Amino acid sequence: MINDDELVCFCSAVTAGAIRQAMRDGGRTLDDIRRMTGACTLGRCKELSPRGR
């Protein structure tokens, strides 16, 4: 399992914990999670990720 502090969205600096919290707060779809956290909204994660993905 990914640590809550680990970044999963590098372009918006969203952590796994923020994603999990959004799900606990009622986020059910990717669009819900995007609205609630800002994840996957800037489209630069692959470019900014140290893993290149």
PDB file of N, CA and C in Angstrom:
ATOM      1  N   MET A   1       0.840  -1.176   0.000  1.00  0.00           N
ATOM      2  CA  MET A   1       0.000   0.000   0.000  1.00  0.00           C
ATOM      3  C   MET A   1       0.894   1.252   0.000  1.00  0.00           C
ATOM      4  N   ILE A   2       0.453   2.258  -0.678  1.00  0.00           N
ATOM      5  CA  ILE A   2       1.170   3.519  -0.747  1.00  0.00           C
ATOM      6  C   ILE A   2       0.949   4.303   0.548  1.00  0.00           C
ATOM      7  N   ASN A   3       2.024   4.871   1.068  1.00  0.00           N
ATOM      8  CA  ASN A   3       1.988   5.706   2.270  1.00  0.00           C
ATOM      9  C   ASN A   3       1.109   6.932   2.028  1.00  0.00           C
ATOM     10  N   ASP A   4       0.386   7.383   3.039  1.00  0.00           N
ATOM     11  CA  ASP A   4      -0.496   8.554   2.917  1.00  0.00           C
ATOM     12  C   ASP A   4       0.248   9.820   2.503  1.00  0.00           C
ATOM     13  N   ASP A   5       1.539   9.920   2.850  1.00  0.00           N
ATOM     14  CA  ASP A   5       2.323  11.114   2.536  1.00  0.00           C
ATOM     15  C   ASP A   5       2.929  11.103   1.137  1.00  0.00           C
ATOM     16  N   GLU A   6       2.817   9.984   0.434  1.00  0.00           N
ATOM     17  CA  GLU A   6       3.427   9.867  -0.894  1.00  0.00           C
ATOM     18  C   GLU A   6       2.606  10.627  -1.945  1.00  0.00           C
ATOM     19  N   LEU A   7       3.314  11.412  -2.752  1.00  0.00           N
ATOM     20  CA  LEU A   7       2.640  12.139  -3.833  1.00  0.00           C
ATOM     21  C   LEU A   7       2.167  11.164  -4.899  1.00  0.00           C
ATOM     22  N   VAL A   8       0.935  11.331  -5.320  1.00  0.00           N
ATOM     23  CA  VAL A   8       0.398  10.535  -6.426  1.00  0.00           C
ATOM     24  C   VAL A   8       0.062  11.418  -7.619  1.00  0.00           C
ATOM     25  N   CYS A   9      -0.062  12.707  -7.383  1.00  0.00           N
ATOM     26  CA  CYS A   9      -0.277  13.683  -8.457  1.00  0.00           C
ATOM     27  C   CYS A   9       0.794  14.759  -8.287  1.00  0.00           C
ATOM     28  N   PHE A  10       1.794  14.677  -9.137  1.00  0.00           N
ATOM     29  CA  PHE A  10       2.942  15.563  -9.006  1.00  0.00           C
ATOM     30  C   PHE A  10       2.651  16.976  -9.482  1.00  0.00           C
ATOM     31  N   CYS A  11       1.757  17.132 -10.442  1.00  0.00           N
ATOM     32  CA  CYS A  11       1.493  18.481 -10.958  1.00  0.00           C
ATOM     33  C   CYS A  11       0.708  19.329  -9.955  1.00  0.00           C
ATOM     34  N   SER A  12      -0.125  18.686  -9.144  1.00  0.00           N
ATOM     35  CA  SER A  12      -0.929  19.419  -8.158  1.00  0.00           C
ATOM     36  C   SER A  12      -0.519  19.114  -6.721  1.00  0.00           C
ATOM     37  N   ALA A  13       0.548  18.330  -6.550  1.00  0.00           N
ATOM     38  CA  ALA A  13       1.070  17.964  -5.221  1.00  0.00           C
ATOM     39  C   ALA A  13      -0.006  17.345  -4.331  1.00  0.00           C
ATOM     40  N   VAL A  14      -0.736  16.366  -4.877  1.00  0.00           N
ATOM     41  CA  VAL A  14      -1.787  15.677  -4.126  1.00  0.00           C
ATOM     42  C   VAL A  14      -1.235  14.346  -3.623  1.00  0.00           C
ATOM     43  N   THR A  15      -1.443  14.084  -2.347  1.00  0.00           N
ATOM     44  CA  THR A  15      -0.945  12.847  -1.733  1.00  0.00           C
ATOM     45  C   THR A  15      -1.988  11.733  -1.779  1.00  0.00           C
ATOM     46  N   ALA A  16      -1.500  10.523  -1.534  1.00  0.00           N
ATOM     47  CA  ALA A  16      -2.401   9.376  -1.446  1.00  0.00           C
ATOM     48  C   ALA A  16      -3.397   9.585  -0.306  1.00  0.00           C
ATOM     49  N   GLY A  17      -2.934  10.190   0.776  1.00  0.00           N
ATOM     50  CA  GLY A  17      -3.826  10.458   1.905  1.00  0.00           C
ATOM     51  C   GLY A  17      -4.956  11.399   1.548  1.00  0.00           C
ATOM     52  N   ALA A  18      -4.659  12.396   0.723  1.00  0.00           N
ATOM     53  CA  ALA A  18      -5.704  13.334   0.287  1.00  0.00           C
ATOM     54  C   ALA A  18      -6.742  12.621  -0.579  1.00  0.00           C
ATOM     55  N   ILE A  19      -6.279  11.701  -1.407  1.00  0.00           N
ATOM     56  CA  ILE A  19      -7.205  10.912  -2.245  1.00  0.00           C
ATOM     57  C   ILE A  19      -8.091  10.050  -1.348  1.00  0.00           C
ATOM     58  N   ARG A  20      -7.468   9.381  -0.399  1.00  0.00           N
ATOM     59  CA  ARG A  20      -8.244   8.528   0.524  1.00  0.00           C
ATOM     60  C   ARG A  20      -9.250   9.351   1.323  1.00  0.00           C
ATOM     61  N   GLN A  21      -8.847  10.531   1.768  1.00  0.00           N
ATOM     62  CA  GLN A  21      -9.762  11.391   2.528  1.00  0.00           C
ATOM     63  C   GLN A  21     -10.937  11.824   1.659  1.00  0.00           C
ATOM     64  N   ALA A  22     -10.668  12.159   0.409  1.00  0.00           N
ATOM     65  CA  ALA A  22     -11.751  12.543  -0.503  1.00  0.00           C
ATOM     66  C   ALA A  22     -12.739  11.391  -0.671  1.00  0.00           C
ATOM     67  N   MET A  23     -12.218  10.167  -0.732  1.00  0.00           N
ATOM     68  CA  MET A  23     -13.104   9.005  -0.845  1.00  0.00           C
ATOM     69  C   MET A  23     -13.930   8.836   0.427  1.00  0.00           C
ATOM     70  N   ARG A  24     -13.314   9.036   1.581  1.00  0.00           N
ATOM     71  CA  ARG A  24     -14.074   8.957   2.848  1.00  0.00           C
ATOM     72  C   ARG A  24     -15.124  10.062   2.928  1.00  0.00           C
ATOM     73  N   ASP A  25     -14.838  11.194   2.290  1.00  0.00           N
ATOM     74  CA  ASP A  25     -15.770  12.327   2.299  1.00  0.00           C
ATOM     75  C   ASP A  25     -16.842  12.230   1.218  1.00  0.00           C
ATOM     76  N   GLY A  26     -16.887  11.110   0.507  1.00  0.00           N
ATOM     77  CA  GLY A  26     -17.964  10.888  -0.443  1.00  0.00           C
ATOM     78  C   GLY A  26     -17.571  10.844  -1.900  1.00  0.00           C
ATOM     79  N   GLY A  27     -16.313  11.082  -2.220  1.00  0.00           N
ATOM     80  CA  GLY A  27     -15.878  11.003  -3.620  1.00  0.00           C
ATOM     81  C   GLY A  27     -15.963   9.573  -4.115  1.00  0.00           C
ATOM     82  N   ARG A  28     -16.667   9.364  -5.211  1.00  0.00           N
ATOM     83  CA  ARG A  28     -16.842   8.011  -5.732  1.00  0.00           C
ATOM     84  C   ARG A  28     -16.284   7.846  -7.143  1.00  0.00           C
ATOM     85  N   THR A  29     -16.238   8.906  -7.891  1.00  0.00           N
ATOM     86  CA  THR A  29     -15.745   8.811  -9.265  1.00  0.00           C
ATOM     87  C   THR A  29     -14.454   9.609  -9.391  1.00  0.00           C
ATOM     88  N   LEU A  30     -13.735   9.399 -10.488  1.00  0.00           N
ATOM     89  CA  LEU A  30     -12.517  10.167 -10.729  1.00  0.00           C
ATOM     90  C   LEU A  30     -12.831  11.653 -10.807  1.00  0.00           C
ATOM     91  N   ASP A  31     -13.947  12.001 -11.408  1.00  0.00           N
ATOM     92  CA  ASP A  31     -14.346  13.416 -11.465  1.00  0.00           C
ATOM     93  C   ASP A  31     -14.585  13.983 -10.066  1.00  0.00           C
ATOM     94  N   ASP A  32     -15.196  13.193  -9.184  1.00  0.00           N
ATOM     95  CA  ASP A  32     -15.383  13.629  -7.792  1.00  0.00           C
ATOM     96  C   ASP A  32     -14.028  13.904  -7.142  1.00  0.00           C
ATOM     97  N   ILE A  33     -13.111  12.973  -7.291  1.00  0.00           N
ATOM     98  CA  ILE A  33     -11.788  13.093  -6.672  1.00  0.00           C
ATOM     99  C   ILE A  33     -11.045  14.294  -7.241  1.00  0.00           C
ATOM    100  N   ARG A  34     -11.145  14.496  -8.534  1.00  0.00           N
ATOM    101  CA  ARG A  34     -10.509  15.662  -9.163  1.00  0.00           C
ATOM    102  C   ARG A  34     -11.044  16.964  -8.575  1.00  0.00           C
ATOM    103  N   ARG A  35     -12.358  17.057  -8.470  1.00  0.00           N
ATOM    104  CA  ARG A  35     -12.980  18.276  -7.919  1.00  0.00           C
ATOM    105  C   ARG A  35     -12.576  18.506  -6.465  1.00  0.00           C
ATOM    106  N   MET A  36     -12.512  17.442  -5.704  1.00  0.00           N
ATOM    107  CA  MET A  36     -12.261  17.555  -4.277  1.00  0.00           C
ATOM    108  C   MET A  36     -10.791  17.799  -3.922  1.00  0.00           C
ATOM    109  N   THR A  37      -9.868  17.312  -4.772  1.00  0.00           N
ATOM    110  CA  THR A  37      -8.445  17.394  -4.431  1.00  0.00           C
ATOM    111  C   THR A  37      -7.619  18.238  -5.396  1.00  0.00           C
ATOM    112  N   GLY A  38      -8.108  18.422  -6.608  1.00  0.00           N
ATOM    113  CA  GLY A  38      -7.319  19.113  -7.623  1.00  0.00           C
ATOM    114  C   GLY A  38      -6.387  18.181  -8.369  1.00  0.00           C
ATOM    115  N   ALA A  39      -6.418  16.898  -8.045  1.00  0.00           N
ATOM    116  CA  ALA A  39      -5.551  15.921  -8.701  1.00  0.00           C
ATOM    117  C   ALA A  39      -5.896  15.795 -10.188  1.00  0.00           C
ATOM    118  N   CYS A  40      -4.883  15.536 -10.984  1.00  0.00           N
ATOM    119  CA  CYS A  40      -5.045  15.266 -12.422  1.00  0.00           C
ATOM    120  C   CYS A  40      -5.724  16.416 -13.164  1.00  0.00           C
ATOM    121  N   THR A  41      -5.441  17.628 -12.764  1.00  0.00           N
ATOM    122  CA  THR A  41      -6.094  18.767 -13.409  1.00  0.00           C
ATOM    123  C   THR A  41      -5.142  19.618 -14.226  1.00  0.00           C
ATOM    124  N   LEU A  42      -3.839  19.497 -13.980  1.00  0.00           N
ATOM    125  CA  LEU A  42      -2.881  20.331 -14.706  1.00  0.00           C
ATOM    126  C   LEU A  42      -2.199  19.600 -15.856  1.00  0.00           C
ATOM    127  N   GLY A  43      -2.254  18.273 -15.851  1.00  0.00           N
ATOM    128  CA  GLY A  43      -1.725  17.482 -16.950  1.00  0.00           C
ATOM    129  C   GLY A  43      -0.211  17.471 -17.077  1.00  0.00           C
ATOM    130  N   ARG A  44       0.505  17.679 -15.981  1.00  0.00           N
ATOM    131  CA  ARG A  44       1.965  17.687 -16.052  1.00  0.00           C
ATOM    132  C   ARG A  44       2.601  16.623 -15.157  1.00  0.00           C
ATOM    133  N   CYS A  45       1.821  15.652 -14.681  1.00  0.00           N
ATOM    134  CA  CYS A  45       2.351  14.649 -13.765  1.00  0.00           C
ATOM    135  C   CYS A  45       3.487  13.843 -14.376  1.00  0.00           C
ATOM    136  N   LYS A  46       3.332  13.384 -15.599  1.00  0.00           N
ATOM    137  CA  LYS A  46       4.382  12.584 -16.224  1.00  0.00           C
ATOM    138  C   LYS A  46       5.675  13.392 -16.330  1.00  0.00           C
ATOM    139  N   GLU A  47       5.556  14.634 -16.684  1.00  0.00           N
ATOM    140  CA  GLU A  47       6.709  15.522 -16.807  1.00  0.00           C
ATOM    141  C   GLU A  47       7.383  15.780 -15.450  1.00  0.00           C
ATOM    142  N   LEU A  48       6.597  15.928 -14.392  1.00  0.00           N
ATOM    143  CA  LEU A  48       7.123  16.287 -13.083  1.00  0.00           C
ATOM    144  C   LEU A  48       7.469  15.096 -12.199  1.00  0.00           C
ATOM    145  N   SER A  49       6.952  13.916 -12.528  1.00  0.00           N
ATOM    146  CA  SER A  49       7.199  12.723 -11.726  1.00  0.00           C
ATOM    147  C   SER A  49       8.645  12.274 -11.856  1.00  0.00           C
ATOM    148  N   PRO A  50       9.266  11.940 -10.734  1.00  0.00           N
ATOM    149  CA  PRO A  50      10.625  11.406 -10.811  1.00  0.00           C
ATOM    150  C   PRO A  50      10.673  10.033 -11.489  1.00  0.00           C
ATOM    151  N   ARG A  51       9.545   9.374 -11.559  1.00  0.00           N
ATOM    152  CA  ARG A  51       9.466   8.062 -12.222  1.00  0.00           C
ATOM    153  C   ARG A  51       9.181   8.183 -13.716  1.00  0.00           C
ATOM    154  N   GLY A  52       8.793   9.373 -14.167  1.00  0.00           N
ATOM    155  CA  GLY A  52       8.489   9.571 -15.582  1.00  0.00           C
ATOM    156  C   GLY A  52       7.212   8.909 -16.031  1.00  0.00           C
ATOM    157  N   ARG A  53       6.254   8.751 -15.093  1.00  0.00           N
ATOM    158  CA  ARG A  53       4.952   8.148 -15.453  1.00  0.00           C
ATOM    159  C   ARG A  53       3.864   8.758 -14.638  1.00  0.00           C
TER     160      ARG A  53
END
